[in-house]
Amino acid sequence: GDSDQLLDLFMPSYEVVDCHKVRVNAPAEVALSAAAGMDLQSC
């Protein structure tokens, strides 16, 4: 599917590609804020 233009600036070519997508029914700002604030150590 879609390429990530921002990431491609730093990694224009890959040795291995594995792409996963999950659609989130929320605005991008809310999803990014939730991801940035999650506590992985609670798992």
PDB file of all heavy atoms in Angstrom:
ATOM      1  N   GLY A   1       0.788  -1.229   0.000  1.00  0.00           N
ATOM      2  CA  GLY A   1       0.000   0.000   0.000  1.00  0.00           C
ATOM      3  C   GLY A   1       0.816   1.272   0.000  1.00  0.00           C
ATOM      4  O   GLY A   1       1.783   1.419  -0.732  1.00  0.00           O
ATOM      5  N   ASP A   2       0.399   2.188   0.849  1.00  0.00           N
ATOM      6  CA  ASP A   2       0.974   3.526   0.875  1.00  0.00           C
ATOM      7  C   ASP A   2       2.406   3.524   1.388  1.00  0.00           C
ATOM      8  O   ASP A   2       2.746   2.809   2.300  1.00  0.00           O
ATOM      9  CB  ASP A   2       0.139   4.439   1.790  1.00  0.00           C
ATOM     10  CG  ASP A   2      -1.336   4.401   1.427  1.00  0.00           C
ATOM     11  OD1 ASP A   2      -1.627   4.300   0.232  1.00  0.00           O
ATOM     12  OD2 ASP A   2      -2.176   4.465   2.342  1.00  0.00           O
ATOM     13  N   SER A   3       3.225   4.378   0.772  1.00  0.00           N
ATOM     14  CA  SER A   3       4.568   4.569   1.314  1.00  0.00           C
ATOM     15  C   SER A   3       4.495   5.686   2.352  1.00  0.00           C
ATOM     16  O   SER A   3       3.561   6.475   2.376  1.00  0.00           O
ATOM     17  CB  SER A   3       5.554   4.931   0.200  1.00  0.00           C
ATOM     18  OG  SER A   3       5.239   6.204  -0.322  1.00  0.00           O
ATOM     19  N   ASP A   4       5.462   5.728   3.214  1.00  0.00           N
ATOM     20  CA  ASP A   4       5.522   6.758   4.243  1.00  0.00           C
ATOM     21  C   ASP A   4       6.616   7.741   3.859  1.00  0.00           C
ATOM     22  O   ASP A   4       7.796   7.461   4.046  1.00  0.00           O
ATOM     23  CB  ASP A   4       5.805   6.120   5.600  1.00  0.00           C
ATOM     24  CG  ASP A   4       5.707   7.103   6.736  1.00  0.00           C
ATOM     25  OD1 ASP A   4       5.920   8.314   6.508  1.00  0.00           O
ATOM     26  OD2 ASP A   4       5.415   6.669   7.855  1.00  0.00           O
ATOM     27  N   GLN A   5       6.240   8.868   3.287  1.00  0.00           N
ATOM     28  CA  GLN A   5       7.215   9.812   2.744  1.00  0.00           C
ATOM     29  C   GLN A   5       8.144  10.354   3.820  1.00  0.00           C
ATOM     30  O   GLN A   5       9.326  10.562   3.570  1.00  0.00           O
ATOM     31  CB  GLN A   5       6.499  10.947   2.034  1.00  0.00           C
ATOM     32  CG  GLN A   5       5.767  10.474   0.803  1.00  0.00           C
ATOM     33  CD  GLN A   5       4.997  11.586   0.124  1.00  0.00           C
ATOM     34  OE1 GLN A   5       4.903  12.692   0.638  1.00  0.00           O
ATOM     35  NE2 GLN A   5       4.436  11.289  -1.039  1.00  0.00           N
ATOM     36  N   LEU A   6       7.652  10.572   5.016  1.00  0.00           N
ATOM     37  CA  LEU A   6       8.483  11.110   6.085  1.00  0.00           C
ATOM     38  C   LEU A   6       9.542  10.095   6.512  1.00  0.00           C
ATOM     39  O   LEU A   6      10.713  10.425   6.658  1.00  0.00           O
ATOM     40  CB  LEU A   6       7.609  11.522   7.270  1.00  0.00           C
ATOM     41  CG  LEU A   6       8.219  12.449   8.309  1.00  0.00           C
ATOM     42  CD1 LEU A   6       8.731  13.728   7.663  1.00  0.00           C
ATOM     43  CD2 LEU A   6       7.187  12.796   9.363  1.00  0.00           C
ATOM     44  N   LEU A   7       9.149   8.848   6.678  1.00  0.00           N
ATOM     45  CA  LEU A   7      10.098   7.796   7.037  1.00  0.00           C
ATOM     46  C   LEU A   7      11.074   7.534   5.899  1.00  0.00           C
ATOM     47  O   LEU A   7      12.255   7.278   6.129  1.00  0.00           O
ATOM     48  CB  LEU A   7       9.357   6.510   7.408  1.00  0.00           C
ATOM     49  CG  LEU A   7      10.219   5.315   7.814  1.00  0.00           C
ATOM     50  CD1 LEU A   7      11.073   5.664   9.029  1.00  0.00           C
ATOM     51  CD2 LEU A   7       9.351   4.116   8.086  1.00  0.00           C
ATOM     52  N   ASP A   8      10.602   7.609   4.665  1.00  0.00           N
ATOM     53  CA  ASP A   8      11.460   7.362   3.509  1.00  0.00           C
ATOM     54  C   ASP A   8      12.603   8.369   3.393  1.00  0.00           C
ATOM     55  O   ASP A   8      13.609   8.096   2.744  1.00  0.00           O
ATOM     56  CB  ASP A   8      10.648   7.348   2.219  1.00  0.00           C
ATOM     57  CG  ASP A   8       9.786   6.103   2.084  1.00  0.00           C
ATOM     58  OD1 ASP A   8      10.025   5.145   2.849  1.00  0.00           O
ATOM     59  OD2 ASP A   8       8.877   6.091   1.236  1.00  0.00           O
ATOM     60  N   LEU A   9      12.498   9.530   4.033  1.00  0.00           N
ATOM     61  CA  LEU A   9      13.612  10.475   4.053  1.00  0.00           C
ATOM     62  C   LEU A   9      14.811   9.888   4.790  1.00  0.00           C
ATOM     63  O   LEU A   9      15.958  10.186   4.475  1.00  0.00           O
ATOM     64  CB  LEU A   9      13.206  11.781   4.740  1.00  0.00           C
ATOM     65  CG  LEU A   9      12.223  12.668   4.002  1.00  0.00           C
ATOM     66  CD1 LEU A   9      11.776  13.812   4.908  1.00  0.00           C
ATOM     67  CD2 LEU A   9      12.844  13.200   2.723  1.00  0.00           C
ATOM     68  N   PHE A  10      14.552   9.058   5.781  1.00  0.00           N
ATOM     69  CA  PHE A  10      15.613   8.492   6.614  1.00  0.00           C
ATOM     70  C   PHE A  10      15.984   7.084   6.202  1.00  0.00           C
ATOM     71  O   PHE A  10      17.102   6.644   6.439  1.00  0.00           O
ATOM     72  CB  PHE A  10      15.196   8.517   8.084  1.00  0.00           C
ATOM     73  CG  PHE A  10      14.929   9.903   8.571  1.00  0.00           C
ATOM     74  CD1 PHE A  10      13.655  10.439   8.532  1.00  0.00           C
ATOM     75  CD2 PHE A  10      15.967  10.704   9.013  1.00  0.00           C
ATOM     76  CE1 PHE A  10      13.407  11.729   8.950  1.00  0.00           C
ATOM     77  CE2 PHE A  10      15.737  11.999   9.424  1.00  0.00           C
ATOM     78  CZ  PHE A  10      14.459  12.513   9.394  1.00  0.00           C
ATOM     79  N   MET A  11      15.038   6.362   5.629  1.00  0.00           N
ATOM     80  CA  MET A  11      15.276   4.993   5.168  1.00  0.00           C
ATOM     81  C   MET A  11      14.696   4.834   3.777  1.00  0.00           C
ATOM     82  O   MET A  11      13.620   4.261   3.602  1.00  0.00           O
ATOM     83  CB  MET A  11      14.615   3.993   6.119  1.00  0.00           C
ATOM     84  CG  MET A  11      15.241   3.933   7.482  1.00  0.00           C
ATOM     85  SD  MET A  11      14.425   2.729   8.545  1.00  0.00           S
ATOM     86  CE  MET A  11      14.712   1.215   7.678  1.00  0.00           C
ATOM     87  N   PRO A  12      15.396   5.337   2.744  1.00  0.00           N
ATOM     88  CA  PRO A  12      14.845   5.261   1.399  1.00  0.00           C
ATOM     89  C   PRO A  12      14.797   3.837   0.844  1.00  0.00           C
ATOM     90  O   PRO A  12      13.995   3.537  -0.021  1.00  0.00           O
ATOM     91  CB  PRO A  12      15.774   6.144   0.568  1.00  0.00           C
ATOM     92  CG  PRO A  12      17.028   6.250   1.351  1.00  0.00           C
ATOM     93  CD  PRO A  12      16.661   6.067   2.797  1.00  0.00           C
ATOM     94  N   SER A  13      15.657   2.956   1.341  1.00  0.00           N
ATOM     95  CA  SER A  13      15.601   1.563   0.909  1.00  0.00           C
ATOM     96  C   SER A  13      15.665   0.675   2.150  1.00  0.00           C
ATOM     97  O   SER A  13      16.278   1.030   3.153  1.00  0.00           O
ATOM     98  CB  SER A  13      16.753   1.239  -0.044  1.00  0.00           C
ATOM     99  OG  SER A  13      17.991   1.412   0.603  1.00  0.00           O
ATOM    100  N   TYR A  14      15.048  -0.474   2.058  1.00  0.00           N
ATOM    101  CA  TYR A  14      14.913  -1.378   3.200  1.00  0.00           C
ATOM    102  C   TYR A  14      15.556  -2.713   2.870  1.00  0.00           C
ATOM    103  O   TYR A  14      15.544  -3.146   1.733  1.00  0.00           O
ATOM    104  CB  TYR A  14      13.443  -1.632   3.530  1.00  0.00           C
ATOM    105  CG  TYR A  14      12.606  -0.399   3.685  1.00  0.00           C
ATOM    106  CD1 TYR A  14      11.837   0.084   2.638  1.00  0.00           C
ATOM    107  CD2 TYR A  14      12.585   0.287   4.876  1.00  0.00           C
ATOM    108  CE1 TYR A  14      11.061   1.217   2.793  1.00  0.00           C
ATOM    109  CE2 TYR A  14      11.813   1.417   5.040  1.00  0.00           C
ATOM    110  CZ  TYR A  14      11.041   1.875   3.987  1.00  0.00           C
ATOM    111  OH  TYR A  14      10.278   2.994   4.148  1.00  0.00           O
ATOM    112  N   GLU A  15      16.100  -3.376   3.879  1.00  0.00           N
ATOM    113  CA  GLU A  15      16.572  -4.744   3.696  1.00  0.00           C
ATOM    114  C   GLU A  15      15.411  -5.717   3.862  1.00  0.00           C
ATOM    115  O   GLU A  15      15.372  -6.761   3.239  1.00  0.00           O
ATOM    116  CB  GLU A  15      17.666  -5.074   4.706  1.00  0.00           C
ATOM    117  CG  GLU A  15      18.964  -4.363   4.426  1.00  0.00           C
ATOM    118  CD  GLU A  15      20.059  -4.777   5.380  1.00  0.00           C
ATOM    119  OE1 GLU A  15      19.818  -5.631   6.254  1.00  0.00           O
ATOM    120  OE2 GLU A  15      21.155  -4.239   5.237  1.00  0.00           O
ATOM    121  N   VAL A  16      14.494  -5.374   4.745  1.00  0.00           N
ATOM    122  CA  VAL A  16      13.344  -6.220   5.022  1.00  0.00           C
ATOM    123  C   VAL A  16      12.122  -5.319   5.127  1.00  0.00           C
ATOM    124  O   VAL A  16      12.194  -4.241   5.703  1.00  0.00           O
ATOM    125  CB  VAL A  16      13.529  -6.994   6.356  1.00  0.00           C
ATOM    126  CG1 VAL A  16      12.310  -7.814   6.675  1.00  0.00           C
ATOM    127  CG2 VAL A  16      14.764  -7.868   6.298  1.00  0.00           C
ATOM    128  N   VAL A  17      11.008  -5.748   4.557  1.00  0.00           N
ATOM    129  CA  VAL A  17       9.775  -4.969   4.634  1.00  0.00           C
ATOM    130  C   VAL A  17       8.692  -5.830   5.262  1.00  0.00           C
ATOM    131  O   VAL A  17       8.478  -6.967   4.864  1.00  0.00           O
ATOM    132  CB  VAL A  17       9.312  -4.512   3.229  1.00  0.00           C
ATOM    133  CG1 VAL A  17       7.953  -3.857   3.294  1.00  0.00           C
ATOM    134  CG2 VAL A  17      10.315  -3.560   2.622  1.00  0.00           C
ATOM    135  N   ASP A  18       8.043  -5.288   6.264  1.00  0.00           N
ATOM    136  CA  ASP A  18       6.903  -5.941   6.893  1.00  0.00           C
ATOM    137  C   ASP A  18       5.945  -4.835   7.272  1.00  0.00           C
ATOM    138  O   ASP A  18       6.262  -4.013   8.133  1.00  0.00           O
ATOM    139  CB  ASP A  18       7.352  -6.732   8.116  1.00  0.00           C
ATOM    140  CG  ASP A  18       6.281  -7.656   8.642  1.00  0.00           C
ATOM    141  OD1 ASP A  18       5.275  -7.870   7.924  1.00  0.00           O
ATOM    142  OD2 ASP A  18       6.433  -8.166   9.754  1.00  0.00           O
ATOM    143  N   CYS A  19       4.828  -4.764   6.628  1.00  0.00           N
ATOM    144  CA  CYS A  19       3.908  -3.642   6.806  1.00  0.00           C
ATOM    145  C   CYS A  19       2.581  -4.130   7.408  1.00  0.00           C
ATOM    146  O   CYS A  19       1.995  -5.084   6.910  1.00  0.00           O
ATOM    147  CB  CYS A  19       3.656  -2.979   5.452  1.00  0.00           C
ATOM    148  SG  CYS A  19       2.612  -1.527   5.552  1.00  0.00           S
ATOM    149  N   HIS A  20       2.161  -3.477   8.473  1.00  0.00           N
ATOM    150  CA  HIS A  20       0.880  -3.784   9.107  1.00  0.00           C
ATOM    151  C   HIS A  20       0.098  -2.492   9.242  1.00  0.00           C
ATOM    152  O   HIS A  20       0.671  -1.437   9.512  1.00  0.00           O
ATOM    153  CB  HIS A  20       1.089  -4.386  10.505  1.00  0.00           C
ATOM    154  CG  HIS A  20       1.896  -5.632  10.487  1.00  0.00           C
ATOM    155  ND1 HIS A  20       1.337  -6.861  10.301  1.00  0.00           N
ATOM    156  CD2 HIS A  20       3.227  -5.833  10.605  1.00  0.00           C
ATOM    157  CE1 HIS A  20       2.290  -7.779  10.320  1.00  0.00           C
ATOM    158  NE2 HIS A  20       3.448  -7.171  10.503  1.00  0.00           N
ATOM    159  N   LYS A  21      -1.194  -2.571   9.068  1.00  0.00           N
ATOM    160  CA  LYS A  21      -2.038  -1.391   9.209  1.00  0.00           C
ATOM    161  C   LYS A  21      -3.234  -1.717  10.083  1.00  0.00           C
ATOM    162  O   LYS A  21      -3.784  -2.812  10.019  1.00  0.00           O
ATOM    163  CB  LYS A  21      -2.553  -0.923   7.849  1.00  0.00           C
ATOM    164  CG  LYS A  21      -1.483  -0.397   6.940  1.00  0.00           C
ATOM    165  CD  LYS A  21      -2.085   0.093   5.650  1.00  0.00           C
ATOM    166  CE  LYS A  21      -0.986   0.614   4.755  1.00  0.00           C
ATOM    167  NZ  LYS A  21      -1.508   1.164   3.531  1.00  0.00           N
ATOM    168  N   VAL A  22      -3.593  -0.741  10.874  1.00  0.00           N
ATOM    169  CA  VAL A  22      -4.802  -0.841  11.684  1.00  0.00           C
ATOM    170  C   VAL A  22      -5.544   0.470  11.525  1.00  0.00           C
ATOM    171  O   VAL A  22      -4.976   1.544  11.737  1.00  0.00           O
ATOM    172  CB  VAL A  22      -4.463  -1.069  13.182  1.00  0.00           C
ATOM    173  CG1 VAL A  22      -5.724  -1.053  14.018  1.00  0.00           C
ATOM    174  CG2 VAL A  22      -3.708  -2.363  13.367  1.00  0.00           C
ATOM    175  N   ARG A  23      -6.766   0.410  11.123  1.00  0.00           N
ATOM    176  CA  ARG A  23      -7.574   1.624  10.984  1.00  0.00           C
ATOM    177  C   ARG A  23      -8.155   1.976  12.344  1.00  0.00           C
ATOM    178  O   ARG A  23      -8.711   1.128  13.042  1.00  0.00           O
ATOM    179  CB  ARG A  23      -8.707   1.404   9.994  1.00  0.00           C
ATOM    180  CG  ARG A  23      -8.195   1.124   8.605  1.00  0.00           C
ATOM    181  CD  ARG A  23      -8.859   2.063   7.629  1.00  0.00           C
ATOM    182  NE  ARG A  23      -8.388   1.776   6.301  1.00  0.00           N
ATOM    183  CZ  ARG A  23      -7.596   2.585   5.615  1.00  0.00           C
ATOM    184  NH1 ARG A  23      -7.197   3.712   6.149  1.00  0.00           N
ATOM    185  NH2 ARG A  23      -7.217   2.275   4.412  1.00  0.00           N
ATOM    186  N   VAL A  24      -7.987   3.226  12.724  1.00  0.00           N
ATOM    187  CA  VAL A  24      -8.486   3.719  13.997  1.00  0.00           C
ATOM    188  C   VAL A  24      -9.549   4.763  13.696  1.00  0.00           C
ATOM    189  O   VAL A  24      -9.300   5.692  12.931  1.00  0.00           O
ATOM    190  CB  VAL A  24      -7.339   4.339  14.837  1.00  0.00           C
ATOM    191  CG1 VAL A  24      -7.871   4.919  16.122  1.00  0.00           C
ATOM    192  CG2 VAL A  24      -6.267   3.301  15.103  1.00  0.00           C
ATOM    193  N   ASN A  25     -10.702   4.595  14.276  1.00  0.00           N
ATOM    194  CA  ASN A  25     -11.802   5.522  14.035  1.00  0.00           C
ATOM    195  C   ASN A  25     -11.687   6.714  14.986  1.00  0.00           C
ATOM    196  O   ASN A  25     -12.470   6.871  15.914  1.00  0.00           O
ATOM    197  CB  ASN A  25     -13.145   4.812  14.204  1.00  0.00           C
ATOM    198  CG  ASN A  25     -14.298   5.655  13.707  1.00  0.00           C
ATOM    199  OD1 ASN A  25     -14.088   6.639  12.996  1.00  0.00           O
ATOM    200  ND2 ASN A  25     -15.501   5.280  14.069  1.00  0.00           N
ATOM    201  N   ALA A  26     -10.641   7.529  14.752  1.00  0.00           N
ATOM    202  CA  ALA A  26     -10.388   8.713  15.582  1.00  0.00           C
ATOM    203  C   ALA A  26      -9.539   9.678  14.764  1.00  0.00           C
ATOM    204  O   ALA A  26      -8.811   9.256  13.873  1.00  0.00           O
ATOM    205  CB  ALA A  26      -9.657   8.332  16.865  1.00  0.00           C
ATOM    206  N   PRO A  27      -9.613  10.956  15.070  1.00  0.00           N
ATOM    207  CA  PRO A  27      -8.741  11.905  14.387  1.00  0.00           C
ATOM    208  C   PRO A  27      -7.269  11.587  14.670  1.00  0.00           C
ATOM    209  O   PRO A  27      -6.921  11.039  15.725  1.00  0.00           O
ATOM    210  CB  PRO A  27      -9.120  13.260  14.998  1.00  0.00           C
ATOM    211  CG  PRO A  27     -10.457  13.053  15.610  1.00  0.00           C
ATOM    212  CD  PRO A  27     -10.534  11.601  15.995  1.00  0.00           C
ATOM    213  N   ALA A  28      -6.398  11.927  13.716  1.00  0.00           N
ATOM    214  CA  ALA A  28      -4.968  11.630  13.844  1.00  0.00           C
ATOM    215  C   ALA A  28      -4.381  12.212  15.123  1.00  0.00           C
ATOM    216  O   ALA A  28      -3.565  11.568  15.789  1.00  0.00           O
ATOM    217  CB  ALA A  28      -4.218  12.156  12.622  1.00  0.00           C
ATOM    218  N   GLU A  29      -4.795  13.421  15.502  1.00  0.00           N
ATOM    219  CA  GLU A  29      -4.244  14.061  16.707  1.00  0.00           C
ATOM    220  C   GLU A  29      -4.555  13.242  17.954  1.00  0.00           C
ATOM    221  O   GLU A  29      -3.710  13.079  18.831  1.00  0.00           O
ATOM    222  CB  GLU A  29      -4.801  15.484  16.875  1.00  0.00           C
ATOM    223  CG  GLU A  29      -4.458  16.440  15.748  1.00  0.00           C
ATOM    224  CD  GLU A  29      -5.405  16.325  14.551  1.00  0.00           C
ATOM    225  OE1 GLU A  29      -6.506  15.729  14.684  1.00  0.00           O
ATOM    226  OE2 GLU A  29      -5.037  16.806  13.472  1.00  0.00           O
ATOM    227  N   VAL A  30      -5.766  12.720  18.031  1.00  0.00           N
ATOM    228  CA  VAL A  30      -6.186  11.935  19.192  1.00  0.00           C
ATOM    229  C   VAL A  30      -5.425  10.607  19.226  1.00  0.00           C
ATOM    230  O   VAL A  30      -4.926  10.187  20.278  1.00  0.00           O
ATOM    231  CB  VAL A  30      -7.713  11.695  19.166  1.00  0.00           C
ATOM    232  CG1 VAL A  30      -8.132  10.728  20.258  1.00  0.00           C
ATOM    233  CG2 VAL A  30      -8.458  13.011  19.285  1.00  0.00           C
ATOM    234  N   ALA A  31      -5.303   9.947  18.072  1.00  0.00           N
ATOM    235  CA  ALA A  31      -4.604   8.658  18.013  1.00  0.00           C
ATOM    236  C   ALA A  31      -3.127   8.820  18.372  1.00  0.00           C
ATOM    237  O   ALA A  31      -2.584   8.029  19.145  1.00  0.00           O
ATOM    238  CB  ALA A  31      -4.749   8.052  16.626  1.00  0.00           C
ATOM    239  N   LEU A  32      -2.471   9.852  17.835  1.00  0.00           N
ATOM    240  CA  LEU A  32      -1.062  10.074  18.142  1.00  0.00           C
ATOM    241  C   LEU A  32      -0.862  10.417  19.615  1.00  0.00           C
ATOM    242  O   LEU A  32       0.049   9.928  20.260  1.00  0.00           O
ATOM    243  CB  LEU A  32      -0.476  11.178  17.259  1.00  0.00           C
ATOM    244  CG  LEU A  32       1.013  11.452  17.461  1.00  0.00           C
ATOM    245  CD1 LEU A  32       1.845  10.220  17.125  1.00  0.00           C
ATOM    246  CD2 LEU A  32       1.452  12.634  16.627  1.00  0.00           C
ATOM    247  N   SER A  33      -1.745  11.230  20.146  1.00  0.00           N
ATOM    248  CA  SER A  33      -1.653  11.593  21.565  1.00  0.00           C
ATOM    249  C   SER A  33      -1.829  10.365  22.457  1.00  0.00           C
ATOM    250  O   SER A  33      -1.104  10.190  23.441  1.00  0.00           O
ATOM    251  CB  SER A  33      -2.711  12.644  21.895  1.00  0.00           C
ATOM    252  OG  SER A  33      -2.706  12.937  23.256  1.00  0.00           O
ATOM    253  N   ALA A  34      -2.768   9.502  22.115  1.00  0.00           N
ATOM    254  CA  ALA A  34      -2.987   8.279  22.898  1.00  0.00           C
ATOM    255  C   ALA A  34      -1.778   7.351  22.806  1.00  0.00           C
ATOM    256  O   ALA A  34      -1.348   6.770  23.810  1.00  0.00           O
ATOM    257  CB  ALA A  34      -4.242   7.561  22.407  1.00  0.00           C
ATOM    258  N   ALA A  35      -1.192   7.217  21.607  1.00  0.00           N
ATOM    259  CA  ALA A  35      -0.021   6.357  21.438  1.00  0.00           C
ATOM    260  C   ALA A  35       1.179   6.918  22.194  1.00  0.00           C
ATOM    261  O   ALA A  35       1.919   6.174  22.841  1.00  0.00           O
ATOM    262  CB  ALA A  35       0.315   6.213  19.957  1.00  0.00           C
ATOM    263  N   ALA A  36       1.370   8.224  22.142  1.00  0.00           N
ATOM    264  CA  ALA A  36       2.511   8.848  22.818  1.00  0.00           C
ATOM    265  C   ALA A  36       2.388   8.739  24.333  1.00  0.00           C
ATOM    266  O   ALA A  36       3.391   8.659  25.030  1.00  0.00           O
ATOM    267  CB  ALA A  36       2.621  10.312  22.407  1.00  0.00           C
ATOM    268  N   GLY A  37       1.174   8.706  24.845  1.00  0.00           N
ATOM    269  CA  GLY A  37       0.965   8.675  26.287  1.00  0.00           C
ATOM    270  C   GLY A  37       0.764   7.298  26.884  1.00  0.00           C
ATOM    271  O   GLY A  37       0.625   7.167  28.094  1.00  0.00           O
ATOM    272  N   MET A  38       0.772   6.236  26.057  1.00  0.00           N
ATOM    273  CA  MET A  38       0.514   4.908  26.613  1.00  0.00           C
ATOM    274  C   MET A  38       1.679   4.438  27.482  1.00  0.00           C
ATOM    275  O   MET A  38       2.828   4.816  27.279  1.00  0.00           O
ATOM    276  CB  MET A  38       0.214   3.912  25.505  1.00  0.00           C
ATOM    277  CG  MET A  38       1.349   3.561  24.619  1.00  0.00           C
ATOM    278  SD  MET A  38       0.761   2.444  23.340  1.00  0.00           S
ATOM    279  CE  MET A  38       2.198   2.395  22.328  1.00  0.00           C
ATOM    280  N   ASP A  39       1.352   3.606  28.455  1.00  0.00           N
ATOM    281  CA  ASP A  39       2.335   3.093  29.411  1.00  0.00           C
ATOM    282  C   ASP A  39       2.597   1.623  29.093  1.00  0.00           C
ATOM    283  O   ASP A  39       1.835   0.747  29.488  1.00  0.00           O
ATOM    284  CB  ASP A  39       1.789   3.257  30.835  1.00  0.00           C
ATOM    285  CG  ASP A  39       2.730   2.714  31.895  1.00  0.00           C
ATOM    286  OD1 ASP A  39       3.877   2.359  31.557  1.00  0.00           O
ATOM    287  OD2 ASP A  39       2.312   2.662  33.061  1.00  0.00           O
ATOM    288  N   LEU A  40       3.686   1.348  28.363  1.00  0.00           N
ATOM    289  CA  LEU A  40       3.995  -0.027  27.986  1.00  0.00           C
ATOM    290  C   LEU A  40       4.372  -0.888  29.184  1.00  0.00           C
ATOM    291  O   LEU A  40       4.138  -2.088  29.189  1.00  0.00           O
ATOM    292  CB  LEU A  40       5.138  -0.055  26.963  1.00  0.00           C
ATOM    293  CG  LEU A  40       4.828   0.501  25.585  1.00  0.00           C
ATOM    294  CD1 LEU A  40       6.050   0.404  24.686  1.00  0.00           C
ATOM    295  CD2 LEU A  40       3.668  -0.229  24.946  1.00  0.00           C
ATOM    296  N   GLN A  41       4.952  -0.263  30.205  1.00  0.00           N
ATOM    297  CA  GLN A  41       5.400  -1.024  31.368  1.00  0.00           C
ATOM    298  C   GLN A  41       4.227  -1.560  32.206  1.00  0.00           C
ATOM    299  O   GLN A  41       4.426  -2.392  33.083  1.00  0.00           O
ATOM    300  CB  GLN A  41       6.334  -0.187  32.239  1.00  0.00           C
ATOM    301  CG  GLN A  41       7.629   0.192  31.541  1.00  0.00           C
ATOM    302  CD  GLN A  41       8.444  -1.015  31.094  1.00  0.00           C
ATOM    303  OE1 GLN A  41       8.516  -2.021  31.780  1.00  0.00           O
ATOM    304  NE2 GLN A  41       9.054  -0.906  29.923  1.00  0.00           N
ATOM    305  N   SER A  42       3.024  -1.103  31.917  1.00  0.00           N
ATOM    306  CA  SER A  42       1.865  -1.628  32.639  1.00  0.00           C
ATOM    307  C   SER A  42       1.417  -2.984  32.084  1.00  0.00           C
ATOM    308  O   SER A  42       0.596  -3.654  32.689  1.00  0.00           O
ATOM    309  CB  SER A  42       0.701  -0.628  32.571  1.00  0.00           C
ATOM    310  OG  SER A  42       0.229  -0.523  31.241  1.00  0.00           O
ATOM    311  N   CYS A  43       1.980  -3.391  30.959  1.00  0.00           N
ATOM    312  CA  CYS A  43       1.624  -4.665  30.319  1.00  0.00           C
ATOM    313  C   CYS A  43       2.600  -5.756  30.768  1.00  0.00           C
ATOM    314  O   CYS A  43       3.821  -5.622  30.604  1.00  0.00           O
ATOM    315  CB  CYS A  43       1.663  -4.498  28.802  1.00  0.00           C
ATOM    316  SG  CYS A  43       1.343  -6.029  27.905  1.00  0.00           S
TER     317      CYS A  43
END
